[in-house]
N, C-alpha and C. Protein backbone atom coordinates (compact mmCIF):
# COMPACT_ATOMS: atom_id res chain seq x y z
N MET A 1 0.95 -0.96 -0.12
CA MET A 1 0.19 0.05 -0.17
C MET A 1 1.08 1.41 0.36
N GLY A 2 1.75 1.32 0.81
CA GLY A 2 2.93 2.58 0.75
C GLY A 2 4.09 2.75 -0.69
N HIS A 3 3.80 1.56 -1.17
CA HIS A 3 4.52 1.33 -2.36
C HIS A 3 3.97 1.87 -3.52
N HIS A 4 2.24 1.65 -3.31
CA HIS A 4 1.36 2.49 -4.51
C HIS A 4 1.10 4.14 -4.31
N HIS A 5 1.23 4.12 -2.54
CA HIS A 5 1.09 5.81 -2.68
C HIS A 5 2.57 6.67 -3.03
N HIS A 6 3.97 5.80 -2.67
CA HIS A 6 4.71 6.45 -3.36
C HIS A 6 4.78 6.61 -4.64
N HIS A 7 4.26 5.53 -5.36
CA HIS A 7 4.28 6.12 -6.77
C HIS A 7 3.19 6.83 -7.33
N HIS A 8 2.30 6.89 -6.76
CA HIS A 8 1.33 8.09 -7.13
C HIS A 8 2.14 9.49 -6.81
N SER A 9 2.81 9.81 -5.71
CA SER A 9 3.19 10.82 -5.39
C SER A 9 4.16 11.06 -6.56
N HIS A 10 5.10 10.17 -6.37
CA HIS A 10 5.80 10.26 -7.91
C HIS A 10 5.70 10.76 -8.86
N MET A 11 4.80 10.38 -9.65
CA MET A 11 3.78 10.77 -10.61
C MET A 11 3.33 12.53 -10.83
N GLN A 12 2.96 12.94 -9.48
CA GLN A 12 3.02 14.14 -8.93
C GLN A 12 3.99 15.19 -9.71
N LEU A 13 5.23 14.83 -9.56
CA LEU A 13 6.20 15.09 -9.18
C LEU A 13 7.13 15.52 -10.65
N ALA A 14 6.65 14.48 -11.38
CA ALA A 14 7.34 14.43 -12.88
C ALA A 14 6.76 15.79 -13.42
N SER A 15 7.17 16.65 -13.38
CA SER A 15 6.69 18.30 -13.39
C SER A 15 7.17 18.48 -15.28
N TRP A 16 6.40 19.66 -15.88
CA TRP A 16 7.47 19.87 -17.01
C TRP A 16 8.20 20.78 -16.71
N SER A 17 9.56 20.99 -17.48
CA SER A 17 10.31 21.71 -17.50
C SER A 17 10.66 22.42 -18.28
N ASP A 18 11.05 23.51 -18.65
CA ASP A 18 11.21 25.05 -19.78
C ASP A 18 11.83 23.97 -21.26
N PRO A 19 11.18 24.53 -21.80
CA PRO A 19 12.21 24.24 -22.98
C PRO A 19 13.41 25.05 -23.34
N THR A 20 14.92 24.49 -23.30
CA THR A 20 15.68 24.94 -23.58
C THR A 20 16.66 25.05 -25.32
N GLU A 21 16.24 24.29 -25.54
CA GLU A 21 16.68 23.96 -27.07
C GLU A 21 15.77 25.01 -28.17
N GLU A 22 16.63 25.81 -28.47
CA GLU A 22 15.75 26.81 -29.71
C GLU A 22 15.20 25.55 -30.77
N THR A 23 13.92 25.49 -31.17
CA THR A 23 13.34 25.14 -32.57
C THR A 23 11.92 26.05 -33.29
N GLY A 24 11.79 25.81 -34.16
CA GLY A 24 11.08 26.33 -35.52
C GLY A 24 9.62 25.57 -35.12
N PRO A 25 9.29 26.73 -35.02
CA PRO A 25 7.56 26.89 -35.17
C PRO A 25 7.04 26.00 -36.10
N VAL A 26 5.69 26.11 -36.40
CA VAL A 26 5.20 25.12 -37.85
C VAL A 26 5.46 25.66 -38.78
N ALA A 27 6.36 25.09 -39.60
CA ALA A 27 6.81 25.83 -40.97
C ALA A 27 5.52 25.94 -41.92
N GLY A 28 5.12 24.99 -41.85
CA GLY A 28 4.21 24.67 -43.10
C GLY A 28 3.02 23.60 -43.29
N ILE A 29 2.30 23.24 -43.93
CA ILE A 29 1.24 21.89 -43.77
C ILE A 29 1.85 21.05 -45.07
N LEU A 30 1.39 19.51 -44.50
CA LEU A 30 1.49 18.75 -45.37
C LEU A 30 0.05 18.55 -45.67
N ASP A 31 -0.18 18.07 -47.19
CA ASP A 31 -1.44 17.93 -47.15
C ASP A 31 -1.05 16.32 -47.76
N THR A 32 -2.01 15.91 -47.05
CA THR A 32 -1.96 13.99 -46.58
C THR A 32 -2.37 13.63 -48.02
N GLU A 33 -3.03 14.34 -49.03
CA GLU A 33 -3.87 13.68 -49.94
C GLU A 33 -3.04 13.82 -51.00
N THR A 34 -1.94 14.74 -51.24
CA THR A 34 -1.17 15.21 -52.26
C THR A 34 0.38 14.72 -51.80
N LEU A 35 0.33 14.37 -50.50
CA LEU A 35 1.80 14.45 -49.78
C LEU A 35 2.66 15.77 -50.31
N GLU A 36 2.43 16.42 -50.33
CA GLU A 36 3.07 18.29 -50.55
C GLU A 36 3.21 18.58 -49.38
N LYS A 37 4.37 19.59 -49.26
CA LYS A 37 4.42 20.11 -48.42
C LYS A 37 4.48 21.96 -48.72
N VAL A 38 3.48 22.41 -48.10
CA VAL A 38 2.85 23.52 -48.84
C VAL A 38 2.55 24.63 -47.38
N SER A 39 3.05 26.13 -48.01
CA SER A 39 3.06 26.97 -47.07
C SER A 39 1.82 27.20 -46.40
N ILE A 40 1.99 28.16 -45.40
CA ILE A 40 0.45 28.16 -44.58
C ILE A 40 -0.24 28.80 -45.39
N THR A 41 0.62 29.87 -46.08
CA THR A 41 -1.00 31.02 -46.79
C THR A 41 -1.54 29.65 -48.06
N GLU A 42 -0.67 29.01 -48.77
CA GLU A 42 -1.19 27.99 -49.79
C GLU A 42 -2.10 27.37 -49.23
N ALA A 43 -2.02 26.39 -48.14
CA ALA A 43 -2.82 25.73 -47.51
C ALA A 43 -3.79 26.33 -46.99
N MET A 44 -3.99 27.79 -47.14
CA MET A 44 -5.59 28.43 -46.58
C MET A 44 -5.86 29.03 -48.15
N HIS A 45 -5.44 28.99 -49.03
CA HIS A 45 -5.80 28.87 -50.38
C HIS A 45 -6.66 27.63 -51.18
N ARG A 46 -5.63 26.46 -50.40
CA ARG A 46 -6.06 25.05 -50.52
C ARG A 46 -7.78 24.62 -49.95
N ASN A 47 -8.07 25.79 -48.97
CA ASN A 47 -8.58 25.01 -47.56
C ASN A 47 -8.54 24.13 -46.65
N LEU A 48 -7.05 23.66 -46.36
CA LEU A 48 -6.66 22.69 -45.83
C LEU A 48 -6.30 23.19 -44.30
N VAL A 49 -6.33 24.54 -44.51
CA VAL A 49 -6.47 25.42 -43.13
C VAL A 49 -7.49 26.57 -42.68
N ASP A 50 -8.08 26.57 -42.15
CA ASP A 50 -9.25 28.25 -42.15
C ASP A 50 -8.61 29.15 -42.11
N ASN A 51 -8.92 30.04 -41.92
CA ASN A 51 -8.09 31.48 -42.15
C ASN A 51 -7.20 31.98 -40.73
N ILE A 52 -8.41 31.93 -39.62
CA ILE A 52 -8.25 32.23 -38.40
C ILE A 52 -6.92 31.26 -37.61
N THR A 53 -6.94 29.74 -38.19
CA THR A 53 -5.74 29.02 -37.43
C THR A 53 -4.52 29.48 -38.64
N GLY A 54 -4.71 29.46 -39.63
CA GLY A 54 -3.36 29.95 -40.53
C GLY A 54 -2.81 31.24 -40.25
N GLN A 55 -3.31 32.33 -40.03
CA GLN A 55 -2.96 33.42 -39.49
C GLN A 55 -2.19 33.15 -38.01
N ARG A 56 -2.55 32.67 -36.97
CA ARG A 56 -2.37 32.54 -35.82
C ARG A 56 -1.07 31.34 -36.23
N LEU A 57 -1.08 30.68 -37.39
CA LEU A 57 0.84 30.16 -37.49
C LEU A 57 1.55 30.93 -38.30
N LEU A 58 1.09 32.11 -39.15
CA LEU A 58 1.72 32.90 -39.28
C LEU A 58 2.26 33.51 -38.31
N GLU A 59 1.53 34.26 -37.58
CA GLU A 59 1.94 34.85 -36.59
C GLU A 59 3.00 34.38 -35.74
N ALA A 60 3.04 33.05 -34.83
CA ALA A 60 3.96 32.23 -34.56
C ALA A 60 4.96 32.46 -35.28
N GLN A 61 5.35 32.05 -36.36
CA GLN A 61 6.71 32.20 -37.66
C GLN A 61 7.08 33.71 -37.04
N ALA A 62 6.03 34.79 -37.54
CA ALA A 62 6.67 35.47 -37.84
C ALA A 62 7.43 35.87 -35.94
N CYS A 63 6.77 36.00 -34.88
CA CYS A 63 7.07 36.52 -33.49
C CYS A 63 8.59 35.70 -33.25
N THR A 64 8.67 34.67 -34.37
CA THR A 64 10.06 34.03 -33.82
C THR A 64 11.44 34.19 -34.94
N GLY A 65 11.11 35.11 -36.00
CA GLY A 65 12.24 35.02 -37.02
C GLY A 65 11.71 35.38 -38.25
N GLY A 66 10.77 35.18 -38.69
CA GLY A 66 10.05 35.76 -39.84
C GLY A 66 9.62 34.44 -40.28
N ILE A 67 8.58 35.14 -41.71
CA ILE A 67 7.92 34.03 -42.30
C ILE A 67 8.79 32.81 -43.35
N ILE A 68 8.47 31.60 -43.01
CA ILE A 68 8.92 30.99 -43.34
C ILE A 68 8.74 30.16 -44.69
N ASP A 69 9.48 30.07 -45.70
CA ASP A 69 9.40 29.44 -47.18
C ASP A 69 9.23 27.85 -46.85
N PRO A 70 8.54 26.92 -46.49
CA PRO A 70 9.08 25.32 -46.09
C PRO A 70 9.54 24.62 -47.21
N SER A 71 9.47 25.23 -48.63
CA SER A 71 10.34 24.59 -49.77
C SER A 71 12.00 24.70 -49.76
N THR A 72 11.96 25.94 -48.57
CA THR A 72 13.83 25.83 -48.18
C THR A 72 14.02 26.35 -47.03
N GLY A 73 13.27 26.53 -46.48
CA GLY A 73 13.08 26.97 -44.97
C GLY A 73 13.93 28.24 -44.99
N GLU A 74 13.98 28.93 -45.38
CA GLU A 74 14.29 30.30 -45.05
C GLU A 74 13.24 31.20 -44.80
N ARG A 75 13.61 31.98 -43.90
CA ARG A 75 12.74 33.04 -43.37
C ARG A 75 12.59 34.07 -44.01
N PHE A 76 12.01 35.04 -44.06
CA PHE A 76 11.87 36.54 -44.14
C PHE A 76 10.56 37.16 -43.52
N PRO A 77 11.34 39.09 -43.74
CA PRO A 77 10.27 39.61 -43.09
C PRO A 77 8.73 39.90 -43.56
N VAL A 78 7.52 40.41 -42.89
CA VAL A 78 6.62 40.62 -43.65
C VAL A 78 6.65 40.84 -44.98
N THR A 79 7.08 41.92 -45.29
CA THR A 79 6.98 42.48 -46.60
C THR A 79 7.85 41.66 -47.76
N ASP A 80 8.48 41.37 -47.32
CA ASP A 80 9.39 40.46 -48.63
C ASP A 80 8.63 39.12 -48.85
N ALA A 81 7.77 38.44 -47.34
CA ALA A 81 7.07 37.10 -47.54
C ALA A 81 5.86 37.72 -48.58
N VAL A 82 5.25 39.20 -48.28
CA VAL A 82 4.24 38.99 -49.07
C VAL A 82 4.40 39.12 -50.62
N ASN A 83 5.77 39.78 -50.91
CA ASN A 83 6.02 39.91 -52.44
C ASN A 83 6.31 38.48 -53.35
N LYS A 84 6.67 37.25 -51.51
CA LYS A 84 7.35 36.16 -52.48
C LYS A 84 5.66 35.11 -52.26
N GLY A 85 4.43 36.13 -52.02
CA GLY A 85 3.23 35.12 -52.19
C GLY A 85 3.08 34.28 -50.84
N LEU A 86 4.04 34.51 -49.66
CA LEU A 86 4.13 34.01 -48.35
C LEU A 86 3.00 34.33 -47.43
N VAL A 87 2.82 35.41 -47.84
CA VAL A 87 1.59 36.20 -46.65
C VAL A 87 0.37 36.80 -47.66
N ASP A 88 -1.02 36.83 -47.54
CA ASP A 88 -1.49 37.62 -48.44
C ASP A 88 -1.77 38.82 -47.80
N LYS A 89 -1.56 40.25 -48.81
CA LYS A 89 -1.93 41.38 -48.31
C LYS A 89 -2.71 41.61 -47.28
N ILE A 90 -3.64 41.31 -47.20
CA ILE A 90 -4.92 41.35 -46.34
C ILE A 90 -4.29 40.91 -44.79
N MET A 91 -3.70 40.32 -44.53
CA MET A 91 -3.19 39.85 -43.11
C MET A 91 -1.98 40.58 -42.95
N VAL A 92 -1.65 41.52 -43.89
CA VAL A 92 -0.35 42.39 -43.01
C VAL A 92 -0.07 42.53 -41.94
N ASP A 93 -1.31 43.76 -41.91
CA ASP A 93 -1.17 44.24 -40.34
C ASP A 93 -0.91 43.55 -39.13
N ARG A 94 -1.95 42.38 -39.47
CA ARG A 94 -2.00 40.91 -38.11
C ARG A 94 -0.57 40.71 -37.87
N ILE A 95 -0.16 40.21 -38.93
CA ILE A 95 1.11 39.69 -39.08
C ILE A 95 2.45 40.57 -38.56
N ASN A 96 1.85 41.91 -39.14
CA ASN A 96 3.69 42.83 -38.79
C ASN A 96 3.64 42.93 -37.02
N LEU A 97 2.42 42.94 -36.83
CA LEU A 97 2.13 43.08 -35.17
C LEU A 97 3.01 42.14 -34.24
N ALA A 98 2.78 40.72 -34.78
CA ALA A 98 3.66 39.51 -34.38
C ALA A 98 5.11 39.66 -34.46
N GLN A 99 5.88 40.24 -35.68
CA GLN A 99 6.72 40.61 -35.70
C GLN A 99 7.49 41.74 -34.96
N LYS A 100 6.72 42.39 -34.62
CA LYS A 100 7.71 43.33 -33.38
C LYS A 100 7.35 42.96 -32.10
N ALA A 101 7.12 41.52 -32.22
CA ALA A 101 7.41 41.08 -30.91
C ALA A 101 8.66 39.74 -31.07
N PHE A 102 9.41 39.80 -32.30
CA PHE A 102 10.61 39.25 -32.23
C PHE A 102 11.53 40.58 -32.67
N CYS A 103 11.25 41.49 -33.14
CA CYS A 103 12.06 42.26 -33.93
C CYS A 103 11.72 43.43 -32.48
N GLY A 104 11.03 43.93 -31.82
CA GLY A 104 10.77 44.71 -31.03
C GLY A 104 9.88 46.17 -30.83
N PHE A 105 9.02 46.35 -29.88
CA PHE A 105 7.78 47.51 -30.00
C PHE A 105 8.71 48.61 -29.27
N GLU A 106 8.52 49.72 -30.79
CA GLU A 106 9.44 51.20 -30.49
C GLU A 106 8.94 51.82 -29.75
N ASP A 107 9.32 52.54 -28.86
CA ASP A 107 8.66 53.36 -28.46
C ASP A 107 9.04 55.03 -28.86
N PRO A 108 8.27 55.66 -29.69
CA PRO A 108 8.09 56.62 -30.28
C PRO A 108 9.01 57.61 -29.46
N ARG A 109 9.38 57.92 -28.46
CA ARG A 109 9.19 58.97 -27.38
C ARG A 109 10.89 59.28 -27.31
N THR A 110 10.97 57.74 -26.63
CA THR A 110 12.14 57.49 -26.25
C THR A 110 13.32 56.07 -27.28
N LYS A 111 12.83 56.04 -28.36
CA LYS A 111 12.89 55.01 -29.68
C LYS A 111 13.59 53.77 -28.81
N THR A 112 13.41 53.65 -27.65
CA THR A 112 13.95 52.26 -27.13
C THR A 112 13.04 51.29 -27.94
N LYS A 113 13.54 50.15 -27.73
CA LYS A 113 12.81 48.46 -28.21
C LYS A 113 12.48 47.81 -27.44
N MET A 114 11.04 47.60 -27.17
CA MET A 114 10.46 46.47 -25.88
C MET A 114 10.24 45.78 -26.30
N SER A 115 10.20 44.39 -25.67
CA SER A 115 10.14 42.62 -25.96
C SER A 115 8.53 42.90 -26.06
N ALA A 116 8.11 41.49 -26.09
CA ALA A 116 6.49 41.24 -26.06
C ALA A 116 6.01 41.34 -25.04
N ALA A 117 6.46 41.26 -23.96
CA ALA A 117 6.37 40.94 -22.23
C ALA A 117 6.04 42.48 -21.82
N GLN A 118 7.34 43.32 -22.21
CA GLN A 118 7.41 44.71 -21.67
C GLN A 118 5.72 45.18 -22.59
N ALA A 119 5.73 45.15 -23.49
CA ALA A 119 4.89 45.97 -24.47
C ALA A 119 3.41 45.51 -23.86
N LEU A 120 3.22 43.77 -23.13
CA LEU A 120 2.07 43.11 -22.85
C LEU A 120 1.89 44.50 -21.87
N LYS A 121 2.85 44.38 -20.72
CA LYS A 121 2.86 45.15 -19.36
C LYS A 121 2.58 46.81 -19.82
N LYS A 122 3.00 47.25 -20.70
CA LYS A 122 2.69 48.92 -20.86
C LYS A 122 1.44 49.33 -21.77
N GLY A 123 1.17 48.00 -21.88
CA GLY A 123 -0.66 47.67 -22.35
C GLY A 123 -0.71 48.51 -23.75
N TRP A 124 0.94 48.26 -24.34
CA TRP A 124 0.85 48.37 -26.01
C TRP A 124 0.70 47.37 -26.94
N LEU A 125 0.30 46.11 -26.29
CA LEU A 125 -0.38 44.78 -26.61
C LEU A 125 -1.29 44.66 -25.99
N TYR A 126 -2.53 44.53 -26.75
CA TYR A 126 -3.74 43.60 -25.82
C TYR A 126 -3.17 42.23 -25.35
N TYR A 127 -3.58 41.73 -24.44
CA TYR A 127 -3.70 40.46 -23.52
C TYR A 127 -3.38 39.27 -24.52
N GLU A 128 -4.33 38.96 -24.96
CA GLU A 128 -4.75 37.40 -25.77
C GLU A 128 -3.45 37.11 -26.86
N ALA A 129 -3.06 38.57 -27.86
CA ALA A 129 -2.02 38.71 -28.66
C ALA A 129 -1.08 38.18 -27.89
N GLY A 130 -0.20 39.19 -27.20
CA GLY A 130 0.33 39.31 -26.07
C GLY A 130 0.79 37.93 -25.66
N GLN A 131 0.35 37.15 -25.26
CA GLN A 131 0.13 35.87 -24.13
C GLN A 131 0.52 34.76 -25.17
N ARG A 132 0.06 35.09 -26.39
CA ARG A 132 -0.19 33.89 -27.90
C ARG A 132 1.60 33.97 -27.87
N PHE A 133 2.01 35.35 -28.42
CA PHE A 133 3.67 35.32 -29.00
C PHE A 133 4.30 35.19 -27.92
N LEU A 134 4.28 35.02 -26.49
CA LEU A 134 4.92 34.83 -25.30
C LEU A 134 4.78 32.83 -25.53
N GLU A 135 3.66 31.98 -25.41
CA GLU A 135 3.60 30.95 -25.51
C GLU A 135 4.85 30.25 -26.60
N VAL A 136 4.71 31.28 -27.96
CA VAL A 136 5.14 30.45 -29.05
C VAL A 136 6.51 30.59 -29.07
N GLN A 137 7.17 32.05 -28.41
CA GLN A 137 8.46 32.34 -27.97
C GLN A 137 8.92 31.00 -26.95
N TYR A 138 8.27 31.10 -26.17
CA TYR A 138 8.66 30.29 -24.86
C TYR A 138 8.60 28.53 -25.44
N LEU A 139 7.54 28.43 -25.78
CA LEU A 139 7.78 26.70 -26.64
C LEU A 139 8.99 26.31 -27.21
N THR A 140 9.26 27.36 -27.91
CA THR A 140 10.25 26.93 -28.96
C THR A 140 11.66 27.26 -29.15
N GLY A 141 11.99 27.61 -27.03
CA GLY A 141 13.23 27.79 -26.60
C GLY A 141 13.46 29.10 -26.12
N GLY A 142 12.59 29.97 -25.91
CA GLY A 142 13.15 31.12 -24.62
C GLY A 142 12.25 31.72 -25.41
N LEU A 143 12.39 32.82 -24.38
CA LEU A 143 11.74 34.37 -24.78
C LEU A 143 12.80 35.19 -26.01
N ILE A 144 12.74 36.00 -26.63
CA ILE A 144 13.09 37.29 -27.81
C ILE A 144 12.98 38.49 -27.06
N GLU A 145 13.78 38.96 -27.03
CA GLU A 145 14.31 40.25 -26.42
C GLU A 145 15.05 41.04 -27.14
N PRO A 146 14.62 42.45 -27.47
CA PRO A 146 15.48 43.41 -28.62
C PRO A 146 16.98 43.75 -27.99
N ASP A 147 17.91 43.29 -28.32
CA ASP A 147 19.67 43.74 -28.01
C ASP A 147 19.69 42.59 -27.96
N THR A 148 19.02 41.90 -27.17
CA THR A 148 19.94 40.22 -26.88
C THR A 148 19.86 39.23 -27.89
N PRO A 149 20.92 38.87 -28.42
CA PRO A 149 21.15 37.65 -29.36
C PRO A 149 20.72 36.23 -28.49
N GLY A 150 19.96 35.64 -30.03
CA GLY A 150 19.52 33.98 -29.37
C GLY A 150 18.02 34.25 -28.27
N ARG A 151 17.43 33.20 -27.68
CA ARG A 151 16.68 33.26 -26.71
C ARG A 151 17.25 33.67 -25.54
N VAL A 152 16.07 34.05 -24.34
CA VAL A 152 16.07 34.60 -23.32
C VAL A 152 15.28 32.84 -22.43
N PRO A 153 15.68 32.43 -21.38
CA PRO A 153 15.44 31.36 -20.75
C PRO A 153 14.69 32.38 -19.87
N LEU A 154 13.05 31.19 -19.50
CA LEU A 154 12.37 32.20 -18.82
C LEU A 154 12.76 32.77 -17.21
N ASP A 155 13.68 31.78 -16.63
CA ASP A 155 14.30 32.49 -15.03
C ASP A 155 14.81 33.37 -15.42
N GLU A 156 15.42 33.62 -16.59
CA GLU A 156 16.41 34.71 -16.51
C GLU A 156 15.57 35.94 -17.20
N ALA A 157 14.50 35.37 -17.54
CA ALA A 157 13.82 36.89 -17.73
C ALA A 157 12.57 37.16 -16.57
N LEU A 158 12.45 36.27 -15.48
CA LEU A 158 12.23 36.50 -14.22
C LEU A 158 13.18 37.13 -13.41
N GLN A 159 14.51 36.84 -13.40
CA GLN A 159 15.67 37.91 -13.19
C GLN A 159 15.83 39.08 -13.25
N ARG A 160 15.35 39.57 -14.31
CA ARG A 160 15.57 41.06 -14.96
C ARG A 160 14.61 41.67 -15.06
N GLY A 161 12.95 41.02 -14.82
CA GLY A 161 12.29 41.72 -14.16
C GLY A 161 11.41 42.22 -15.80
N THR A 162 11.57 41.31 -16.91
CA THR A 162 10.69 41.42 -17.85
C THR A 162 9.78 40.85 -17.89
N VAL A 163 10.02 39.52 -16.85
CA VAL A 163 8.29 38.74 -16.95
C VAL A 163 8.17 38.89 -15.71
N ASP A 164 6.88 39.13 -15.11
CA ASP A 164 6.63 38.78 -13.96
C ASP A 164 6.18 37.19 -13.34
N ALA A 165 6.03 37.09 -12.03
CA ALA A 165 6.15 35.87 -11.77
C ALA A 165 4.60 35.38 -12.31
N ARG A 166 3.38 36.06 -12.57
CA ARG A 166 2.24 35.53 -12.29
C ARG A 166 1.94 34.98 -14.16
N THR A 167 2.67 35.73 -15.20
CA THR A 167 3.11 35.84 -16.44
C THR A 167 4.04 34.27 -16.47
N ALA A 168 5.27 34.21 -15.97
CA ALA A 168 5.98 32.52 -15.78
C ALA A 168 4.88 31.82 -15.66
N GLN A 169 4.22 31.52 -14.46
CA GLN A 169 3.36 30.64 -14.07
C GLN A 169 2.24 30.14 -15.36
N LYS A 170 2.21 31.30 -16.14
CA LYS A 170 0.65 30.68 -16.74
C LYS A 170 1.77 30.05 -17.96
N LEU A 171 2.70 30.65 -18.53
CA LEU A 171 3.88 30.26 -19.66
C LEU A 171 4.15 28.45 -19.26
N ARG A 172 4.23 28.24 -18.26
CA ARG A 172 4.72 27.04 -17.53
C ARG A 172 3.35 26.00 -17.38
N ASP A 173 2.27 26.61 -17.78
CA ASP A 173 1.10 25.67 -17.29
C ASP A 173 0.77 25.45 -18.89
N VAL A 174 1.38 24.83 -19.57
CA VAL A 174 1.60 24.81 -20.53
C VAL A 174 0.02 23.25 -21.16
N GLY A 175 -0.32 23.06 -19.93
CA GLY A 175 -1.79 22.20 -19.99
C GLY A 175 -2.77 23.12 -20.76
N ALA A 176 -3.06 24.74 -19.98
CA ALA A 176 -4.02 25.21 -19.72
C ALA A 176 -3.55 26.19 -21.05
N TYR A 177 -3.25 25.95 -21.74
CA TYR A 177 -3.03 26.89 -23.28
C TYR A 177 -4.51 27.24 -23.79
N SER A 178 -4.92 28.17 -24.61
CA SER A 178 -5.75 28.30 -24.96
C SER A 178 -5.97 27.64 -26.35
N LYS A 179 -6.68 27.23 -26.71
CA LYS A 179 -7.32 26.28 -27.87
C LYS A 179 -7.87 27.34 -28.86
N TYR A 180 -6.87 27.93 -29.33
CA TYR A 180 -7.31 28.77 -30.54
C TYR A 180 -6.98 28.58 -31.87
N LEU A 181 -6.19 27.43 -32.02
CA LEU A 181 -6.12 26.46 -33.22
C LEU A 181 -7.40 25.70 -33.50
N THR A 182 -7.62 25.02 -34.80
CA THR A 182 -8.02 24.55 -35.22
C THR A 182 -7.16 23.46 -35.79
N CYS A 183 -7.32 22.04 -35.44
CA CYS A 183 -6.74 20.64 -36.37
C CYS A 183 -6.83 20.80 -37.53
N PRO A 184 -5.94 20.58 -38.75
CA PRO A 184 -6.64 20.62 -39.66
C PRO A 184 -6.43 19.05 -40.25
N LYS A 185 -5.95 18.68 -39.08
CA LYS A 185 -6.91 17.16 -39.03
C LYS A 185 -7.64 16.66 -38.75
N THR A 186 -7.96 16.72 -37.57
CA THR A 186 -8.91 15.93 -36.80
C THR A 186 -9.61 17.06 -36.94
N LYS A 187 -9.82 18.65 -37.05
CA LYS A 187 -10.77 19.67 -36.68
C LYS A 187 -10.88 20.12 -35.69
N LEU A 188 -10.57 19.40 -34.56
CA LEU A 188 -10.39 20.05 -33.21
C LEU A 188 -9.67 20.96 -32.67
N LYS A 189 -10.29 21.71 -31.42
CA LYS A 189 -9.65 22.57 -31.24
C LYS A 189 -8.15 22.44 -30.58
N ILE A 190 -7.31 23.35 -30.97
CA ILE A 190 -5.72 22.88 -30.36
C ILE A 190 -5.04 24.27 -29.84
N SER A 191 -4.45 23.89 -28.67
CA SER A 191 -3.41 24.63 -28.53
C SER A 191 -2.00 24.68 -29.57
N TYR A 192 -1.15 26.00 -29.28
CA TYR A 192 0.21 25.64 -29.72
C TYR A 192 1.28 24.59 -29.45
N LYS A 193 0.82 24.16 -28.31
CA LYS A 193 2.07 23.05 -27.83
C LYS A 193 1.06 22.23 -28.52
N ASP A 194 -0.23 22.14 -28.30
CA ASP A 194 -0.65 20.83 -29.18
C ASP A 194 -0.34 20.68 -30.09
N ALA A 195 -0.50 21.86 -31.17
CA ALA A 195 0.51 21.96 -33.03
C ALA A 195 1.60 21.66 -32.44
N LEU A 196 2.37 21.93 -31.90
CA LEU A 196 4.12 21.60 -32.02
C LEU A 196 4.05 20.06 -31.63
N ASP A 197 3.41 19.67 -30.87
CA ASP A 197 3.21 17.63 -30.28
C ASP A 197 2.96 16.96 -31.57
N ARG A 198 1.98 17.76 -32.32
CA ARG A 198 1.76 16.96 -33.58
C ARG A 198 2.03 16.86 -34.82
N SER A 199 2.75 18.31 -35.09
CA SER A 199 3.91 18.23 -35.91
C SER A 199 4.96 17.45 -35.89
N MET A 200 4.95 17.06 -37.82
CA MET A 200 6.09 15.90 -37.52
C MET A 200 7.40 16.71 -37.90
N VAL A 201 8.59 16.56 -37.71
CA VAL A 201 10.07 16.90 -38.37
C VAL A 201 10.39 16.33 -39.67
N GLU A 202 10.47 17.13 -40.59
CA GLU A 202 11.01 16.69 -41.66
C GLU A 202 12.31 16.13 -41.69
N GLU A 203 13.20 14.60 -42.24
CA GLU A 203 14.14 15.09 -42.26
C GLU A 203 15.10 15.19 -42.92
N GLY A 204 16.37 16.18 -42.88
CA GLY A 204 17.19 16.47 -43.23
C GLY A 204 16.65 18.24 -43.00
N THR A 205 15.78 18.65 -43.22
CA THR A 205 15.33 20.25 -42.92
C THR A 205 15.57 20.35 -41.68
N GLY A 206 14.64 19.77 -40.80
CA GLY A 206 14.10 19.59 -39.44
C GLY A 206 12.78 20.83 -39.53
N LEU A 207 12.27 20.86 -40.20
CA LEU A 207 11.17 21.69 -40.47
C LEU A 207 10.17 20.91 -40.00
N ARG A 208 9.06 21.48 -39.00
CA ARG A 208 7.97 21.05 -38.53
C ARG A 208 6.86 21.36 -39.37
N LEU A 209 6.15 20.23 -39.71
CA LEU A 209 4.99 20.19 -40.44
C LEU A 209 4.26 19.48 -39.75
N LEU A 210 2.53 20.16 -40.10
CA LEU A 210 1.68 19.81 -39.35
C LEU A 210 0.30 19.63 -40.47
N GLU A 211 0.22 18.18 -40.73
CA GLU A 211 -0.54 17.39 -41.58
C GLU A 211 -1.95 18.12 -41.33
N ALA A 212 -2.72 17.66 -42.45
CA ALA A 212 -4.22 18.17 -42.94
C ALA A 212 -4.66 16.78 -43.83
N ALA A 213 -5.59 17.00 -43.50
CA ALA A 213 -6.85 16.73 -44.65
C ALA A 213 -7.98 17.25 -45.24
N ALA A 214 -8.40 16.67 -45.78
CA ALA A 214 -9.27 17.94 -47.02
C ALA A 214 -10.07 17.67 -46.13
N GLN A 215 -11.15 18.41 -46.49
CA GLN A 215 -12.66 19.02 -45.75
C GLN A 215 -13.51 18.19 -46.36
């Protein structure tokens, strides 16, 4: 009996630990009918992904370093991505906001740049969007702060005071992430954490692809 109890408490202890290795966001969609690898925008044109999910997946790319061309793995700023057909013009404003979570939100007065976490604190970024950008950055290896190369681990961001304890706790509670995506395969509501877990990693390129089944 005691042994059983011990086993149970051990189960409780096996907790989530911060992702430390930098990984890419969902880069594209695998059309399971044709086995073609397509960009998020092309997948929207083919009705493999609904527009909201497509927009959210593009935002996740933009807030981690640029829009991805899954045929080459190259990443582009939003303007270049539009020219290459990787982003539709109507989505530009929304994706630009996400891009600022990578490049920094500029204070017009002081010209200093702020991270998504700071912009959120200052009220320059509405809560849902800010939370989404932070989740994506956190899950793919750490937060992104202007003028800091690479990723900033959550503990470090806490020490620096760029993230408060409540935000950190919410980010670590990956099971409670908002399910704002519709899975292109099962059509069920999923979180970005679920999307990363369900995506397959292409051999050789390391690109993450989410499988989609025709409607």
